[in-house]
PDB file of N, CA and C in Angstrom:
ATOM      1  N   UNK A   1      -0.984  -0.021  10.877  1.00  0.00           N
ATOM      2  CA  UNK A   1      -0.661   0.148   9.484  1.00  0.00           C
ATOM      3  C   UNK A   1      -1.813   0.906   8.821  1.00  0.00           C
ATOM      4  N   UNK A   2      -1.471   1.770   7.899  1.00  0.00           N
ATOM      5  CA  UNK A   2      -2.436   2.603   7.194  1.00  0.00           C
ATOM      6  C   UNK A   2      -2.437   2.201   5.724  1.00  0.00           C
ATOM      7  N   UNK A   3      -3.629   2.032   5.160  1.00  0.00           N
ATOM      8  CA  UNK A   3      -3.745   1.749   3.730  1.00  0.00           C
ATOM      9  C   UNK A   3      -4.273   2.983   3.024  1.00  0.00           C
ATOM     10  N   UNK A   4      -3.584   3.401   1.975  1.00  0.00           N
ATOM     11  CA  UNK A   4      -4.041   4.530   1.169  1.00  0.00           C
ATOM     12  C   UNK A   4      -4.379   4.035  -0.228  1.00  0.00           C
ATOM     13  N   UNK A   5      -5.512   4.514  -0.740  1.00  0.00           N
ATOM     14  CA  UNK A   5      -5.947   4.189  -2.089  1.00  0.00           C
ATOM     15  C   UNK A   5      -5.879   5.445  -2.926  1.00  0.00           C
ATOM     16  N   UNK A   6      -5.293   5.330  -4.108  1.00  0.00           N
ATOM     17  CA  UNK A   6      -5.160   6.466  -5.014  1.00  0.00           C
ATOM     18  C   UNK A   6      -5.800   6.118  -6.350  1.00  0.00           C
ATOM     19  N   UNK A   7      -6.691   6.985  -6.821  1.00  0.00           N
ATOM     20  CA  UNK A   7      -7.232   6.858  -8.175  1.00  0.00           C
ATOM     21  C   UNK A   7      -6.248   7.578  -9.073  1.00  0.00           C
ATOM     22  N   UNK A   8      -5.494   6.814  -9.814  1.00  0.00           N
ATOM     23  CA  UNK A   8      -4.348   7.318 -10.558  1.00  0.00           C
ATOM     24  C   UNK A   8      -4.622   7.189 -12.056  1.00  0.00           C
ATOM     25  N   UNK A   9      -4.108   8.098 -12.844  1.00  0.00           N
ATOM     26  CA  UNK A   9      -4.256   8.072 -14.298  1.00  0.00           C
ATOM     27  C   UNK A   9      -5.735   7.862 -14.648  1.00  0.00           C
ATOM     28  N   UNK A  10      -6.548   8.811 -14.253  1.00  0.00           N
ATOM     29  CA  UNK A  10      -8.003   8.736 -14.361  1.00  0.00           C
ATOM     30  C   UNK A  10      -8.452   9.496 -15.599  1.00  0.00           C
ATOM     31  N   UNK A  11      -8.990   8.775 -16.599  1.00  0.00           N
ATOM     32  CA  UNK A  11      -9.492   9.406 -17.817  1.00  0.00           C
ATOM     33  C   UNK A  11     -10.931   8.959 -18.066  1.00  0.00           C
ATOM     34  N   UNK A  12     -11.533   9.485 -19.094  1.00  0.00           N
ATOM     35  CA  UNK A  12     -12.886   9.103 -19.479  1.00  0.00           C
ATOM     36  C   UNK A  12     -12.953   7.633 -19.910  1.00  0.00           C
ATOM     37  N   UNK A  13     -11.801   7.075 -20.354  1.00  0.00           N
ATOM     38  CA  UNK A  13     -11.760   5.712 -20.886  1.00  0.00           C
ATOM     39  C   UNK A  13     -11.165   4.663 -19.953  1.00  0.00           C
ATOM     40  N   UNK A  14     -10.458   5.091 -18.910  1.00  0.00           N
ATOM     41  CA  UNK A  14      -9.809   4.109 -18.040  1.00  0.00           C
ATOM     42  C   UNK A  14      -9.394   4.741 -16.712  1.00  0.00           C
ATOM     43  N   UNK A  15      -9.008   3.861 -15.798  1.00  0.00           N
ATOM     44  CA  UNK A  15      -8.481   4.303 -14.505  1.00  0.00           C
ATOM     45  C   UNK A  15      -7.485   3.267 -14.008  1.00  0.00           C
ATOM     46  N   UNK A  16      -6.483   3.737 -13.300  1.00  0.00           N
ATOM     47  CA  UNK A  16      -5.543   2.876 -12.606  1.00  0.00           C
ATOM     48  C   UNK A  16      -5.704   3.163 -11.115  1.00  0.00           C
ATOM     49  N   UNK A  17      -5.870   2.110 -10.334  1.00  0.00           N
ATOM     50  CA  UNK A  17      -6.020   2.261  -8.888  1.00  0.00           C
ATOM     51  C   UNK A  17      -4.768   1.713  -8.221  1.00  0.00           C
ATOM     52  N   UNK A  18      -4.250   2.475  -7.268  1.00  0.00           N
ATOM     53  CA  UNK A  18      -3.053   2.067  -6.538  1.00  0.00           C
ATOM     54  C   UNK A  18      -3.389   2.006  -5.051  1.00  0.00           C
ATOM     55  N   UNK A  19      -2.984   0.906  -4.398  1.00  0.00           N
ATOM     56  CA  UNK A  19      -3.113   0.780  -2.945  1.00  0.00           C
ATOM     57  C   UNK A  19      -1.724   0.574  -2.370  1.00  0.00           C
ATOM     58  N   UNK A  20      -1.461   1.249  -1.268  1.00  0.00           N
ATOM     59  CA  UNK A  20      -0.152   1.157  -0.630  1.00  0.00           C
ATOM     60  C   UNK A  20      -0.352   1.167   0.879  1.00  0.00           C
ATOM     61  N   UNK A  21       0.365   0.294   1.579  1.00  0.00           N
ATOM     62  CA  UNK A  21       0.364   0.296   3.037  1.00  0.00           C
ATOM     63  C   UNK A  21       1.516   1.167   3.534  1.00  0.00           C
ATOM     64  N   UNK A  22       1.264   1.839   4.667  1.00  0.00           N
ATOM     65  CA  UNK A  22       2.249   2.717   5.282  1.00  0.00           C
ATOM     66  C   UNK A  22       2.292   2.472   6.784  1.00  0.00           C
ATOM     67  N   UNK A  23       3.440   2.748   7.374  1.00  0.00           N
ATOM     68  CA  UNK A  23       3.582   2.802   8.824  1.00  0.00           C
ATOM     69  C   UNK A  23       4.101   4.184   9.178  1.00  0.00           C
ATOM     70  N   UNK A  24       3.758   4.637  10.367  1.00  0.00           N
ATOM     71  CA  UNK A  24       4.223   5.951  10.809  1.00  0.00           C
ATOM     72  C   UNK A  24       5.466   5.764  11.668  1.00  0.00           C
ATOM     73  N   UNK A  25       6.548   6.384  11.229  1.00  0.00           N
ATOM     74  CA  UNK A  25       7.816   6.349  11.954  1.00  0.00           C
ATOM     75  C   UNK A  25       8.275   7.789  12.143  1.00  0.00           C
ATOM     76  N   UNK A  26       8.477   8.198  13.385  1.00  0.00           N
ATOM     77  CA  UNK A  26       8.893   9.570  13.700  1.00  0.00           C
ATOM     78  C   UNK A  26       7.995  10.592  13.013  1.00  0.00           C
ATOM     79  N   UNK A  27       6.676  10.367  13.107  1.00  0.00           N
ATOM     80  CA  UNK A  27       5.659  11.270  12.566  1.00  0.00           C
ATOM     81  C   UNK A  27       5.681  11.403  11.040  1.00  0.00           C
ATOM     82  N   UNK A  28       6.317  10.453  10.362  1.00  0.00           N
ATOM     83  CA  UNK A  28       6.326  10.436   8.899  1.00  0.00           C
ATOM     84  C   UNK A  28       5.829   9.080   8.419  1.00  0.00           C
ATOM     85  N   UNK A  29       5.041   9.096   7.347  1.00  0.00           N
ATOM     86  CA  UNK A  29       4.548   7.845   6.772  1.00  0.00           C
ATOM     87  C   UNK A  29       5.609   7.236   5.867  1.00  0.00           C
ATOM     88  N   UNK A  30       5.896   5.968   6.111  1.00  0.00           N
ATOM     89  CA  UNK A  30       6.876   5.243   5.310  1.00  0.00           C
ATOM     90  C   UNK A  30       6.161   4.074   4.624  1.00  0.00           C
ATOM     91  N   UNK A  31       6.353   3.916   3.295  1.00  0.00           N
ATOM     92  CA  UNK A  31       5.685   2.815   2.594  1.00  0.00           C
ATOM     93  C   UNK A  31       6.207   1.453   3.044  1.00  0.00           C
ATOM     94  N   UNK A  32       5.313   0.474   3.030  1.00  0.00           N
ATOM     95  CA  UNK A  32       5.658  -0.903   3.383  1.00  0.00           C
ATOM     96  C   UNK A  32       5.408  -1.761   2.147  1.00  0.00           C
ATOM     97  N   UNK A  33       6.435  -2.429   1.670  1.00  0.00           N
ATOM     98  CA  UNK A  33       6.279  -3.308   0.514  1.00  0.00           C
ATOM     99  C   UNK A  33       6.015  -2.540  -0.771  1.00  0.00           C
ATOM    100  N   UNK A  34       5.605  -3.280  -1.778  1.00  0.00           N
ATOM    101  CA  UNK A  34       5.321  -2.712  -3.097  1.00  0.00           C
ATOM    102  C   UNK A  34       3.839  -2.345  -3.197  1.00  0.00           C
ATOM    103  N   UNK A  35       3.515  -1.301  -3.957  1.00  0.00           N
ATOM    104  CA  UNK A  35       2.098  -0.955  -4.123  1.00  0.00           C
ATOM    105  C   UNK A  35       1.376  -2.006  -4.970  1.00  0.00           C
ATOM    106  N   UNK A  36       0.087  -2.120  -4.730  1.00  0.00           N
ATOM    107  CA  UNK A  36      -0.801  -2.961  -5.521  1.00  0.00           C
ATOM    108  C   UNK A  36      -1.455  -2.064  -6.558  1.00  0.00           C
ATOM    109  N   UNK A  37      -1.535  -2.500  -7.810  1.00  0.00           N
ATOM    110  CA  UNK A  37      -2.160  -1.700  -8.870  1.00  0.00           C
ATOM    111  C   UNK A  37      -3.118  -2.567  -9.676  1.00  0.00           C
ATOM    112  N   UNK A  38      -4.182  -1.922 -10.148  1.00  0.00           N
ATOM    113  CA  UNK A  38      -5.118  -2.585 -11.048  1.00  0.00           C
ATOM    114  C   UNK A  38      -5.680  -1.520 -11.975  1.00  0.00           C
ATOM    115  N   UNK A  39      -5.807  -1.862 -13.249  1.00  0.00           N
ATOM    116  CA  UNK A  39      -6.366  -0.950 -14.246  1.00  0.00           C
ATOM    117  C   UNK A  39      -7.732  -1.455 -14.687  1.00  0.00           C
ATOM    118  N   UNK A  40      -8.612  -0.514 -14.956  1.00  0.00           N
ATOM    119  CA  UNK A  40      -9.958  -0.825 -15.436  1.00  0.00           C
ATOM    120  C   UNK A  40     -10.247   0.052 -16.644  1.00  0.00           C
ATOM    121  N   UNK A  41     -10.916  -0.516 -17.650  1.00  0.00           N
ATOM    122  CA  UNK A  41     -11.341   0.291 -18.790  1.00  0.00           C
ATOM    123  C   UNK A  41     -12.832   0.577 -18.673  1.00  0.00           C
ATOM    124  N   UNK A  42     -13.243   1.662 -19.307  1.00  0.00           N
ATOM    125  CA  UNK A  42     -14.653   2.049 -19.307  1.00  0.00           C
ATOM    126  C   UNK A  42     -15.363   1.267 -20.412  1.00  0.00           C
ATOM    127  N   UNK A  43     -15.352  -0.042 -20.261  1.00  0.00           N
ATOM    128  CA  UNK A  43     -16.024  -0.967 -21.182  1.00  0.00           C
ATOM    129  C   UNK A  43     -17.085  -1.714 -20.374  1.00  0.00           C
ATOM    130  N   UNK A  44     -17.869  -2.518 -21.026  1.00  0.00           N
ATOM    131  CA  UNK A  44     -18.892  -3.291 -20.320  1.00  0.00           C
ATOM    132  C   UNK A  44     -18.256  -4.186 -19.258  1.00  0.00           C
ATOM    133  N   UNK A  45     -17.207  -4.928 -19.639  1.00  0.00           N
ATOM    134  CA  UNK A  45     -16.527  -5.808 -18.680  1.00  0.00           C
ATOM    135  C   UNK A  45     -15.792  -5.019 -17.607  1.00  0.00           C
ATOM    136  N   UNK A  46     -15.118  -3.944 -17.991  1.00  0.00           N
ATOM    137  CA  UNK A  46     -14.387  -3.130 -17.028  1.00  0.00           C
ATOM    138  C   UNK A  46     -15.306  -2.511 -15.993  1.00  0.00           C
ATOM    139  N   UNK A  47     -16.451  -2.027 -16.439  1.00  0.00           N
ATOM    140  CA  UNK A  47     -17.429  -1.442 -15.521  1.00  0.00           C
ATOM    141  C   UNK A  47     -17.954  -2.500 -14.550  1.00  0.00           C
ATOM    142  N   UNK A  48     -18.151  -3.738 -15.027  1.00  0.00           N
ATOM    143  CA  UNK A  48     -18.602  -4.810 -14.147  1.00  0.00           C
ATOM    144  C   UNK A  48     -17.536  -5.129 -13.103  1.00  0.00           C
ATOM    145  N   UNK A  49     -16.279  -5.159 -13.521  1.00  0.00           N
ATOM    146  CA  UNK A  49     -15.183  -5.411 -12.580  1.00  0.00           C
ATOM    147  C   UNK A  49     -15.121  -4.320 -11.519  1.00  0.00           C
ATOM    148  N   UNK A  50     -15.329  -3.059 -11.918  1.00  0.00           N
ATOM    149  CA  UNK A  50     -15.350  -1.962 -10.946  1.00  0.00           C
ATOM    150  C   UNK A  50     -16.465  -2.205  -9.931  1.00  0.00           C
ATOM    151  N   UNK A  51     -17.657  -2.551 -10.397  1.00  0.00           N
ATOM    152  CA  UNK A  51     -18.785  -2.814  -9.482  1.00  0.00           C
ATOM    153  C   UNK A  51     -18.451  -3.925  -8.480  1.00  0.00           C
ATOM    154  N   UNK A  52     -17.746  -4.960  -8.947  1.00  0.00           N
ATOM    155  CA  UNK A  52     -17.451  -6.119  -8.104  1.00  0.00           C
ATOM    156  C   UNK A  52     -16.242  -5.917  -7.192  1.00  0.00           C
ATOM    157  N   UNK A  53     -15.253  -5.136  -7.639  1.00  0.00           N
ATOM    158  CA  UNK A  53     -13.965  -5.106  -6.943  1.00  0.00           C
ATOM    159  C   UNK A  53     -13.636  -3.800  -6.225  1.00  0.00           C
ATOM    160  N   UNK A  54     -14.246  -2.706  -6.617  1.00  0.00           N
ATOM    161  CA  UNK A  54     -13.851  -1.400  -6.067  1.00  0.00           C
ATOM    162  C   UNK A  54     -14.846  -0.982  -4.987  1.00  0.00           C
ATOM    163  N   UNK A  55     -14.354  -0.710  -3.773  1.00  0.00           N
ATOM    164  CA  UNK A  55     -15.254  -0.315  -2.691  1.00  0.00           C
ATOM    165  C   UNK A  55     -15.694   1.144  -2.818  1.00  0.00           C
ATOM    166  N   UNK A  56     -16.749   1.466  -2.101  1.00  0.00           N
ATOM    167  CA  UNK A  56     -17.172   2.864  -1.976  1.00  0.00           C
ATOM    168  C   UNK A  56     -16.156   3.591  -1.114  1.00  0.00           C
ATOM    169  N   UNK A  57     -15.942   4.855  -1.256  1.00  0.00           N
ATOM    170  CA  UNK A  57     -16.583   5.805  -2.161  1.00  0.00           C
ATOM    171  C   UNK A  57     -15.914   5.888  -3.533  1.00  0.00           C
ATOM    172  N   UNK A  58     -14.897   5.058  -3.755  1.00  0.00           N
ATOM    173  CA  UNK A  58     -14.136   5.118  -5.003  1.00  0.00           C
ATOM    174  C   UNK A  58     -14.996   4.741  -6.207  1.00  0.00           C
ATOM    175  N   UNK A  59     -15.832   3.730  -6.025  1.00  0.00           N
ATOM    176  CA  UNK A  59     -16.705   3.288  -7.122  1.00  0.00           C
ATOM    177  C   UNK A  59     -17.597   4.436  -7.600  1.00  0.00           C
ATOM    178  N   UNK A  60     -18.205   5.139  -6.675  1.00  0.00           N
ATOM    179  CA  UNK A  60     -19.075   6.263  -7.035  1.00  0.00           C
ATOM    180  C   UNK A  60     -18.295   7.350  -7.768  1.00  0.00           C
ATOM    181  N   UNK A  61     -17.082   7.622  -7.324  1.00  0.00           N
ATOM    182  CA  UNK A  61     -16.254   8.649  -7.979  1.00  0.00           C
ATOM    183  C   UNK A  61     -15.928   8.245  -9.416  1.00  0.00           C
ATOM    184  N   UNK A  62     -15.618   6.973  -9.622  1.00  0.00           N
ATOM    185  CA  UNK A  62     -15.297   6.494 -10.968  1.00  0.00           C
ATOM    186  C   UNK A  62     -16.498   6.665 -11.892  1.00  0.00           C
ATOM    187  N   UNK A  63     -17.673   6.219 -11.448  1.00  0.00           N
ATOM    188  CA  UNK A  63     -18.853   6.307 -12.299  1.00  0.00           C
ATOM    189  C   UNK A  63     -19.340   7.747 -12.468  1.00  0.00           C
ATOM    190  N   UNK A  64     -19.014   8.624 -11.534  1.00  0.00           N
ATOM    191  CA  UNK A  64     -19.361  10.038 -11.708  1.00  0.00           C
ATOM    192  C   UNK A  64     -18.611  10.627 -12.898  1.00  0.00           C
ATOM    193  N   UNK A  65     -17.369  10.204 -13.091  1.00  0.00           N
ATOM    194  CA  UNK A  65     -16.573  10.687 -14.231  1.00  0.00           C
ATOM    195  C   UNK A  65     -16.934   9.926 -15.501  1.00  0.00           C
ATOM    196  N   UNK A  66     -17.100   8.627 -15.408  1.00  0.00           N
ATOM    197  CA  UNK A  66     -17.373   7.800 -16.580  1.00  0.00           C
ATOM    198  C   UNK A  66     -18.794   7.961 -17.107  1.00  0.00           C
ATOM    199  N   UNK A  67     -19.734   8.324 -16.264  1.00  0.00           N
ATOM    200  CA  UNK A  67     -21.113   8.435 -16.714  1.00  0.00           C
ATOM    201  C   UNK A  67     -21.781   7.078 -16.805  1.00  0.00           C
ATOM    202  N   UNK A  68     -22.865   7.017 -17.555  1.00  0.00           N
ATOM    203  CA  UNK A  68     -23.692   5.814 -17.612  1.00  0.00           C
ATOM    204  C   UNK A  68     -23.392   4.883 -18.779  1.00  0.00           C
ATOM    205  N   UNK A  69     -22.541   5.306 -19.699  1.00  0.00           N
ATOM    206  CA  UNK A  69     -22.326   4.550 -20.931  1.00  0.00           C
ATOM    207  C   UNK A  69     -20.850   4.210 -21.116  1.00  0.00           C
ATOM    208  N   UNK A  70     -20.518   2.952 -21.441  1.00  0.00           N
ATOM    209  CA  UNK A  70     -19.123   2.597 -21.740  1.00  0.00           C
ATOM    210  C   UNK A  70     -18.597   3.395 -22.929  1.00  0.00           C
ATOM    211  N   UNK A  71     -17.308   3.725 -22.886  1.00  0.00           N
ATOM    212  CA  UNK A  71     -16.665   4.461 -23.975  1.00  0.00           C
ATOM    213  C   UNK A  71     -15.649   3.617 -24.730  1.00  0.00           C
ATOM    214  N   UNK A  72     -15.372   2.409 -24.221  1.00  0.00           N
ATOM    215  CA  UNK A  72     -14.390   1.527 -24.842  1.00  0.00           C
ATOM    216  C   UNK A  72     -15.115   0.292 -25.370  1.00  0.00           C
ATOM    217  N   UNK A  73     -14.882  -0.028 -26.626  1.00  0.00           N
ATOM    218  CA  UNK A  73     -15.478  -1.203 -27.261  1.00  0.00           C
ATOM    219  C   UNK A  73     -14.526  -2.369 -27.100  1.00  0.00           C
ATOM    220  N   UNK A  74     -14.927  -3.375 -26.323  1.00  0.00           N
ATOM    221  CA  UNK A  74     -14.066  -4.526 -26.067  1.00  0.00           C
ATOM    222  C   UNK A  74     -13.753  -5.307 -27.330  1.00  0.00           C
ATOM    223  N   UNK A  75     -14.674  -5.346 -28.281  1.00  0.00           N
ATOM    224  CA  UNK A  75     -14.460  -6.086 -29.527  1.00  0.00           C
ATOM    225  C   UNK A  75     -13.350  -5.459 -30.366  1.00  0.00           C
ATOM    226  N   UNK A  76     -13.121  -4.172 -30.209  1.00  0.00           N
ATOM    227  CA  UNK A  76     -12.091  -3.490 -30.985  1.00  0.00           C
ATOM    228  C   UNK A  76     -10.696  -3.655 -30.393  1.00  0.00           C
ATOM    229  N   UNK A  77     -10.603  -4.228 -29.212  1.00  0.00           N
ATOM    230  CA  UNK A  77      -9.297  -4.355 -28.558  1.00  0.00           C
ATOM    231  C   UNK A  77      -8.582  -5.613 -28.971  1.00  0.00           C
TER     232      UNK A  77
END
């Protein structure tokens, strides 16, 4: 079984990550089950969740786009 991770709907303020398992049948990848999704905001808490939950190299890619400073104020949400 193959797992693919997609950084989906990637903006300066948020990201949605999708994981999907696939099997190869007749040289074509076929999805297995429903995809897993999780969204993160570029806030203090969201950035901490990314550090704790997102593996490399995806974490580095996210912070390369987001930079060093949160852009979303959690108190305003």
